[in-house]
Amino acid sequence: MTNLIEVWLRGPIPGIAPVLQPAAHALLQVVEDVLPVVADLTAVQLWARPGGVAAVGFHLKHLPGSVDRLLTYARGEQLSQAQMAYLASERNIHDDRPTLESLTAGLSTGIDSAIEFLRAVPDDSLLEPREVGRQKRPSTTLGLIFHAAEHSSRHAGQVVTLSRIVRSWPP
């Protein structure tokens, strides 16, 4: 059963600093918004690409991978070989077509890991400079955390909308 009260209205997430509560709320809301709407998708619907858009399956794979990568940068680290391989697998996702079960499990696990990371972020690190990607674009710990949350929210919206569309696909 879906909770009718959004995560941000349920109060603070235990163990997370007040300044990081909005990011934690947004990440948890992603899971609550996405999992129910994809639960009954068929394999055809999961991989449908109306108008050539990325399939629901792509977004389910990309969400935890992007959060993991952004939070790696937030820790002041560069991506590992495993993370680079995961990123490469996102590019081939429409050919590989993993199961809905594996994609939703990965999403849940990825968001759970992100919440655990947020519990461990020292307050005094939030404004520390961080570098993003090979080009070492400038950001901060807080900037990367915020972007992980808002980026995930955007993809969740795409999943919710696209899931409704593919249920009647093809037209």
Foldseek 3Di string as FASTA:
>chain_A
DQDPDQQLVPDADPLFDPVLRVLLSLLVNLLSLQCVLCVPDDLCQQLDQVVNHGGLLLLLLVLLLLLVQLLCQLVQHHDDPVSVVSVVCSVCCSVVRDDPVVSSVSSVVSSVVSVVSSSVDDPVQFAPWTFHDPVGDIDGSVRSSVCSSVVSNVSSVVSNVSSVVSVPPPD
